[in-house]
Amino acid sequence: NSLASINTLHLLMDKGLISREDAAGVLT
């Protein structure tokens, strides 16, 4: 599940739908 979370966030960042900071904020 952790890997799925990080892979999902990476996909969203790749598509430009979420920033690195927002993705990090979800995990924090």
PDB file of all heavy atoms in Angstrom:
ATOM      1  N   ASN A   1       0.832  -1.210   0.000  1.00  0.00           N
ATOM      2  CA  ASN A   1       0.000   0.000   0.000  1.00  0.00           C
ATOM      3  C   ASN A   1       0.865   1.257   0.000  1.00  0.00           C
ATOM      4  O   ASN A   1       0.526   2.243  -0.655  1.00  0.00           O
ATOM      5  CB  ASN A   1      -0.951   0.001   1.191  1.00  0.00           C
ATOM      6  CG  ASN A   1      -2.102  -0.953   1.005  1.00  0.00           C
ATOM      7  OD1 ASN A   1      -2.525  -1.220  -0.105  1.00  0.00           O
ATOM      8  ND2 ASN A   1      -2.621  -1.490   2.099  1.00  0.00           N
ATOM      9  N   SER A   2       1.966   1.225   0.724  1.00  0.00           N
ATOM     10  CA  SER A   2       2.888   2.366   0.727  1.00  0.00           C
ATOM     11  C   SER A   2       3.459   2.589  -0.663  1.00  0.00           C
ATOM     12  O   SER A   2       3.542   3.730  -1.143  1.00  0.00           O
ATOM     13  CB  SER A   2       4.029   2.134   1.719  1.00  0.00           C
ATOM     14  OG  SER A   2       3.549   2.074   3.030  1.00  0.00           O
ATOM     15  N   LEU A   3       3.871   1.507  -1.310  1.00  0.00           N
ATOM     16  CA  LEU A   3       4.406   1.634  -2.666  1.00  0.00           C
ATOM     17  C   LEU A   3       3.347   2.138  -3.634  1.00  0.00           C
ATOM     18  O   LEU A   3       3.637   2.958  -4.511  1.00  0.00           O
ATOM     19  CB  LEU A   3       4.978   0.289  -3.132  1.00  0.00           C
ATOM     20  CG  LEU A   3       6.248  -0.160  -2.414  1.00  0.00           C
ATOM     21  CD1 LEU A   3       6.619  -1.577  -2.838  1.00  0.00           C
ATOM     22  CD2 LEU A   3       7.393   0.803  -2.677  1.00  0.00           C
ATOM     23  N   ALA A   4       2.115   1.655  -3.490  1.00  0.00           N
ATOM     24  CA  ALA A   4       1.033   2.139  -4.346  1.00  0.00           C
ATOM     25  C   ALA A   4       0.811   3.640  -4.138  1.00  0.00           C
ATOM     26  O   ALA A   4       0.577   4.376  -5.109  1.00  0.00           O
ATOM     27  CB  ALA A   4      -0.254   1.355  -4.068  1.00  0.00           C
ATOM     28  N   SER A   5       0.911   4.090  -2.902  1.00  0.00           N
ATOM     29  CA  SER A   5       0.737   5.523  -2.611  1.00  0.00           C
ATOM     30  C   SER A   5       1.806   6.352  -3.304  1.00  0.00           C
ATOM     31  O   SER A   5       1.497   7.351  -3.962  1.00  0.00           O
ATOM     32  CB  SER A   5       0.800   5.771  -1.101  1.00  0.00           C
ATOM     33  OG  SER A   5      -0.257   5.131  -0.452  1.00  0.00           O
ATOM     34  N   ILE A   6       3.064   5.941  -3.155  1.00  0.00           N
ATOM     35  CA  ILE A   6       4.157   6.727  -3.743  1.00  0.00           C
ATOM     36  C   ILE A   6       4.080   6.664  -5.263  1.00  0.00           C
ATOM     37  O   ILE A   6       4.296   7.671  -5.941  1.00  0.00           O
ATOM     38  CB  ILE A   6       5.536   6.302  -3.198  1.00  0.00           C
ATOM     39  CG1 ILE A   6       6.603   7.351  -3.522  1.00  0.00           C
ATOM     40  CG2 ILE A   6       5.996   4.976  -3.723  1.00  0.00           C
ATOM     41  CD1 ILE A   6       6.595   8.533  -2.631  1.00  0.00           C
ATOM     42  N   ASN A   7       3.737   5.498  -5.822  1.00  0.00           N
ATOM     43  CA  ASN A   7       3.626   5.385  -7.279  1.00  0.00           C
ATOM     44  C   ASN A   7       2.488   6.242  -7.812  1.00  0.00           C
ATOM     45  O   ASN A   7       2.612   6.856  -8.879  1.00  0.00           O
ATOM     46  CB  ASN A   7       3.442   3.921  -7.691  1.00  0.00           C
ATOM     47  CG  ASN A   7       4.699   3.111  -7.487  1.00  0.00           C
ATOM     48  OD1 ASN A   7       5.812   3.638  -7.499  1.00  0.00           O
ATOM     49  ND2 ASN A   7       4.533   1.820  -7.292  1.00  0.00           N
ATOM     50  N   THR A   8       1.379   6.313  -7.078  1.00  0.00           N
ATOM     51  CA  THR A   8       0.250   7.157  -7.484  1.00  0.00           C
ATOM     52  C   THR A   8       0.646   8.633  -7.463  1.00  0.00           C
ATOM     53  O   THR A   8       0.351   9.382  -8.399  1.00  0.00           O
ATOM     54  CB  THR A   8      -0.970   6.908  -6.578  1.00  0.00           C
ATOM     55  OG1 THR A   8      -1.342   5.529  -6.679  1.00  0.00           O
ATOM     56  CG2 THR A   8      -2.139   7.797  -6.959  1.00  0.00           C
ATOM     57  N   LEU A   9       1.328   9.035  -6.405  1.00  0.00           N
ATOM     58  CA  LEU A   9       1.762  10.430  -6.324  1.00  0.00           C
ATOM     59  C   LEU A   9       2.773  10.755  -7.425  1.00  0.00           C
ATOM     60  O   LEU A   9       2.714  11.835  -8.032  1.00  0.00           O
ATOM     61  CB  LEU A   9       2.342  10.729  -4.939  1.00  0.00           C
ATOM     62  CG  LEU A   9       1.307  10.727  -3.819  1.00  0.00           C
ATOM     63  CD1 LEU A   9       1.981  10.787  -2.461  1.00  0.00           C
ATOM     64  CD2 LEU A   9       0.319  11.877  -3.976  1.00  0.00           C
ATOM     65  N   HIS A  10       3.683   9.832  -7.723  1.00  0.00           N
ATOM     66  CA  HIS A  10       4.631  10.054  -8.822  1.00  0.00           C
ATOM     67  C   HIS A  10       3.886  10.198 -10.148  1.00  0.00           C
ATOM     68  O   HIS A  10       4.227  11.063 -10.965  1.00  0.00           O
ATOM     69  CB  HIS A  10       5.640   8.911  -8.904  1.00  0.00           C
ATOM     70  CG  HIS A  10       6.704   8.986  -7.859  1.00  0.00           C
ATOM     71  ND1 HIS A  10       7.667   8.041  -7.740  1.00  0.00           N
ATOM     72  CD2 HIS A  10       6.954   9.892  -6.889  1.00  0.00           C
ATOM     73  CE1 HIS A  10       8.479   8.347  -6.738  1.00  0.00           C
ATOM     74  NE2 HIS A  10       8.050   9.472  -6.206  1.00  0.00           N
ATOM     75  N   LEU A  11       2.876   9.377 -10.384  1.00  0.00           N
ATOM     76  CA  LEU A  11       2.090   9.478 -11.612  1.00  0.00           C
ATOM     77  C   LEU A  11       1.402  10.837 -11.707  1.00  0.00           C
ATOM     78  O   LEU A  11       1.416  11.483 -12.764  1.00  0.00           O
ATOM     79  CB  LEU A  11       1.055   8.352 -11.666  1.00  0.00           C
ATOM     80  CG  LEU A  11       0.114   8.364 -12.873  1.00  0.00           C
ATOM     81  CD1 LEU A  11       0.888   8.142 -14.169  1.00  0.00           C
ATOM     82  CD2 LEU A  11      -0.966   7.307 -12.702  1.00  0.00           C
ATOM     83  N   LEU A  12       0.810  11.288 -10.617  1.00  0.00           N
ATOM     84  CA  LEU A  12       0.153  12.596 -10.611  1.00  0.00           C
ATOM     85  C   LEU A  12       1.150  13.719 -10.876  1.00  0.00           C
ATOM     86  O   LEU A  12       0.835  14.679 -11.597  1.00  0.00           O
ATOM     87  CB  LEU A  12      -0.574  12.821  -9.280  1.00  0.00           C
ATOM     88  CG  LEU A  12      -1.783  11.922  -9.031  1.00  0.00           C
ATOM     89  CD1 LEU A  12      -2.278  12.097  -7.595  1.00  0.00           C
ATOM     90  CD2 LEU A  12      -2.888  12.205 -10.031  1.00  0.00           C
ATOM     91  N   MET A  13       2.355  13.591 -10.307  1.00  0.00           N
ATOM     92  CA  MET A  13       3.386  14.601 -10.570  1.00  0.00           C
ATOM     93  C   MET A  13       3.831  14.544 -12.028  1.00  0.00           C
ATOM     94  O   MET A  13       4.026  15.586 -12.663  1.00  0.00           O
ATOM     95  CB  MET A  13       4.578  14.416  -9.622  1.00  0.00           C
ATOM     96  CG  MET A  13       4.275  14.834  -8.194  1.00  0.00           C
ATOM     97  SD  MET A  13       5.731  14.795  -7.121  1.00  0.00           S
ATOM     98  CE  MET A  13       5.872  13.029  -6.792  1.00  0.00           C
ATOM     99  N   ASP A  14       4.010  13.326 -12.576  1.00  0.00           N
ATOM    100  CA  ASP A  14       4.391  13.185 -13.984  1.00  0.00           C
ATOM    101  C   ASP A  14       3.389  13.855 -14.912  1.00  0.00           C
ATOM    102  O   ASP A  14       3.768  14.424 -15.933  1.00  0.00           O
ATOM    103  CB  ASP A  14       4.507  11.697 -14.371  1.00  0.00           C
ATOM    104  CG  ASP A  14       5.743  11.017 -13.808  1.00  0.00           C
ATOM    105  OD1 ASP A  14       6.673  11.725 -13.355  1.00  0.00           O
ATOM    106  OD2 ASP A  14       5.772   9.766 -13.806  1.00  0.00           O
ATOM    107  N   LYS A  15       2.121  13.786 -14.567  1.00  0.00           N
ATOM    108  CA  LYS A  15       1.066  14.381 -15.392  1.00  0.00           C
ATOM    109  C   LYS A  15       0.875  15.872 -15.103  1.00  0.00           C
ATOM    110  O   LYS A  15       0.049  16.525 -15.729  1.00  0.00           O
ATOM    111  CB  LYS A  15      -0.236  13.623 -15.189  1.00  0.00           C
ATOM    112  CG  LYS A  15      -0.185  12.206 -15.740  1.00  0.00           C
ATOM    113  CD  LYS A  15      -1.526  11.528 -15.609  1.00  0.00           C
ATOM    114  CE  LYS A  15      -1.495  10.165 -16.256  1.00  0.00           C
ATOM    115  NZ  LYS A  15      -1.525  10.220 -17.708  1.00  0.00           N
ATOM    116  N   GLY A  16       1.628  16.403 -14.140  1.00  0.00           N
ATOM    117  CA  GLY A  16       1.519  17.818 -13.810  1.00  0.00           C
ATOM    118  C   GLY A  16       0.270  18.167 -13.024  1.00  0.00           C
ATOM    119  O   GLY A  16      -0.126  19.331 -12.960  1.00  0.00           O
ATOM    120  N   LEU A  17      -0.350  17.171 -12.403  1.00  0.00           N
ATOM    121  CA  LEU A  17      -1.600  17.406 -11.674  1.00  0.00           C
ATOM    122  C   LEU A  17      -1.383  17.750 -10.206  1.00  0.00           C
ATOM    123  O   LEU A  17      -2.316  18.201  -9.533  1.00  0.00           O
ATOM    124  CB  LEU A  17      -2.496  16.166 -11.783  1.00  0.00           C
ATOM    125  CG  LEU A  17      -2.903  15.800 -13.209  1.00  0.00           C
ATOM    126  CD1 LEU A  17      -3.632  14.463 -13.227  1.00  0.00           C
ATOM    127  CD2 LEU A  17      -3.763  16.909 -13.808  1.00  0.00           C
ATOM    128  N   ILE A  18      -0.184  17.522  -9.721  1.00  0.00           N
ATOM    129  CA  ILE A  18       0.133  17.810  -8.321  1.00  0.00           C
ATOM    130  C   ILE A  18       1.610  18.195  -8.247  1.00  0.00           C
ATOM    131  O   ILE A  18       2.431  17.682  -9.007  1.00  0.00           O
ATOM    132  CB  ILE A  18      -0.196  16.586  -7.420  1.00  0.00           C
ATOM    133  CG1 ILE A  18      -0.106  16.933  -5.939  1.00  0.00           C
ATOM    134  CG2 ILE A  18       0.654  15.389  -7.774  1.00  0.00           C
ATOM    135  CD1 ILE A  18      -0.635  15.832  -5.018  1.00  0.00           C
ATOM    136  N   SER A  19       1.924  19.120  -7.377  1.00  0.00           N
ATOM    137  CA  SER A  19       3.312  19.540  -7.213  1.00  0.00           C
ATOM    138  C   SER A  19       4.049  18.596  -6.264  1.00  0.00           C
ATOM    139  O   SER A  19       3.424  17.822  -5.528  1.00  0.00           O
ATOM    140  CB  SER A  19       3.367  20.967  -6.646  1.00  0.00           C
ATOM    141  OG  SER A  19       2.917  20.971  -5.299  1.00  0.00           O
ATOM    142  N   ARG A  20       5.359  18.667  -6.277  1.00  0.00           N
ATOM    143  CA  ARG A  20       6.153  17.867  -5.327  1.00  0.00           C
ATOM    144  C   ARG A  20       5.784  18.219  -3.896  1.00  0.00           C
ATOM    145  O   ARG A  20       5.687  17.347  -3.042  1.00  0.00           O
ATOM    146  CB  ARG A  20       7.648  18.088  -5.563  1.00  0.00           C
ATOM    147  CG  ARG A  20       8.144  17.495  -6.853  1.00  0.00           C
ATOM    148  CD  ARG A  20       9.615  17.668  -7.015  1.00  0.00           C
ATOM    149  NE  ARG A  20       9.953  19.085  -7.003  1.00  0.00           N
ATOM    150  CZ  ARG A  20      11.058  19.589  -7.493  1.00  0.00           C
ATOM    151  NH1 ARG A  20      11.959  18.806  -8.045  1.00  0.00           N
ATOM    152  NH2 ARG A  20      11.298  20.878  -7.457  1.00  0.00           N
ATOM    153  N   GLU A  21       5.580  19.493  -3.641  1.00  0.00           N
ATOM    154  CA  GLU A  21       5.257  19.940  -2.289  1.00  0.00           C
ATOM    155  C   GLU A  21       3.896  19.403  -1.834  1.00  0.00           C
ATOM    156  O   GLU A  21       3.738  18.997  -0.681  1.00  0.00           O
ATOM    157  CB  GLU A  21       5.282  21.471  -2.208  1.00  0.00           C
ATOM    158  CG  GLU A  21       6.660  22.067  -2.385  1.00  0.00           C
ATOM    159  CD  GLU A  21       7.155  22.132  -3.832  1.00  0.00           C
ATOM    160  OE1 GLU A  21       6.343  21.918  -4.770  1.00  0.00           O
ATOM    161  OE2 GLU A  21       8.353  22.377  -4.020  1.00  0.00           O
ATOM    162  N   ASP A  22       2.917  19.422  -2.735  1.00  0.00           N
ATOM    163  CA  ASP A  22       1.598  18.890  -2.391  1.00  0.00           C
ATOM    164  C   ASP A  22       1.665  17.382  -2.142  1.00  0.00           C
ATOM    165  O   ASP A  22       1.032  16.859  -1.218  1.00  0.00           O
ATOM    166  CB  ASP A  22       0.571  19.195  -3.475  1.00  0.00           C
ATOM    167  CG  ASP A  22       0.145  20.655  -3.485  1.00  0.00           C
ATOM    168  OD1 ASP A  22       0.368  21.365  -2.474  1.00  0.00           O
ATOM    169  OD2 ASP A  22      -0.416  21.094  -4.510  1.00  0.00           O
ATOM    170  N   ALA A  23       2.413  16.678  -2.980  1.00  0.00           N
ATOM    171  CA  ALA A  23       2.565  15.232  -2.807  1.00  0.00           C
ATOM    172  C   ALA A  23       3.235  14.930  -1.466  1.00  0.00           C
ATOM    173  O   ALA A  23       2.784  14.053  -0.716  1.00  0.00           O
ATOM    174  CB  ALA A  23       3.380  14.640  -3.958  1.00  0.00           C
ATOM    175  N   ALA A  24       4.277  15.661  -1.153  1.00  0.00           N
ATOM    176  CA  ALA A  24       4.966  15.472   0.130  1.00  0.00           C
ATOM    177  C   ALA A  24       4.022  15.799   1.282  1.00  0.00           C
ATOM    178  O   ALA A  24       4.045  15.127   2.320  1.00  0.00           O
ATOM    179  CB  ALA A  24       6.213  16.340   0.195  1.00  0.00           C
ATOM    180  N   GLY A  25       3.179  16.800   1.099  1.00  0.00           N
ATOM    181  CA  GLY A  25       2.223  17.178   2.138  1.00  0.00           C
ATOM    182  C   GLY A  25       1.231  16.067   2.458  1.00  0.00           C
ATOM    183  O   GLY A  25       0.860  15.864   3.611  1.00  0.00           O
ATOM    184  N   VAL A  26       0.800  15.332   1.427  1.00  0.00           N
ATOM    185  CA  VAL A  26      -0.110  14.203   1.639  1.00  0.00           C
ATOM    186  C   VAL A  26       0.554  13.169   2.548  1.00  0.00           C
ATOM    187  O   VAL A  26      -0.049  12.656   3.500  1.00  0.00           O
ATOM    188  CB  VAL A  26      -0.501  13.559   0.288  1.00  0.00           C
ATOM    189  CG1 VAL A  26      -1.196  12.228   0.488  1.00  0.00           C
ATOM    190  CG2 VAL A  26      -1.367  14.506  -0.523  1.00  0.00           C
ATOM    191  N   LEU A  27       1.812  12.857   2.256  1.00  0.00           N
ATOM    192  CA  LEU A  27       2.522  11.837   3.029  1.00  0.00           C
ATOM    193  C   LEU A  27       2.890  12.331   4.421  1.00  0.00           C
ATOM    194  O   LEU A  27       2.853  11.560   5.390  1.00  0.00           O
ATOM    195  CB  LEU A  27       3.760  11.386   2.253  1.00  0.00           C
ATOM    196  CG  LEU A  27       3.409  10.690   0.931  1.00  0.00           C
ATOM    197  CD1 LEU A  27       4.643  10.537   0.067  1.00  0.00           C
ATOM    198  CD2 LEU A  27       2.738   9.357   1.173  1.00  0.00           C
ATOM    199  N   THR A  28       3.203  13.614   4.545  1.00  0.00           N
ATOM    200  CA  THR A  28       3.504  14.176   5.865  1.00  0.00           C
ATOM    201  C   THR A  28       2.256  14.166   6.742  1.00  0.00           C
ATOM    202  O   THR A  28       2.323  13.838   7.930  1.00  0.00           O
ATOM    203  CB  THR A  28       4.061  15.610   5.724  1.00  0.00           C
ATOM    204  OG1 THR A  28       5.263  15.558   4.945  1.00  0.00           O
ATOM    205  CG2 THR A  28       4.351  16.224   7.074  1.00  0.00           C
TER     206      THR A  28
END
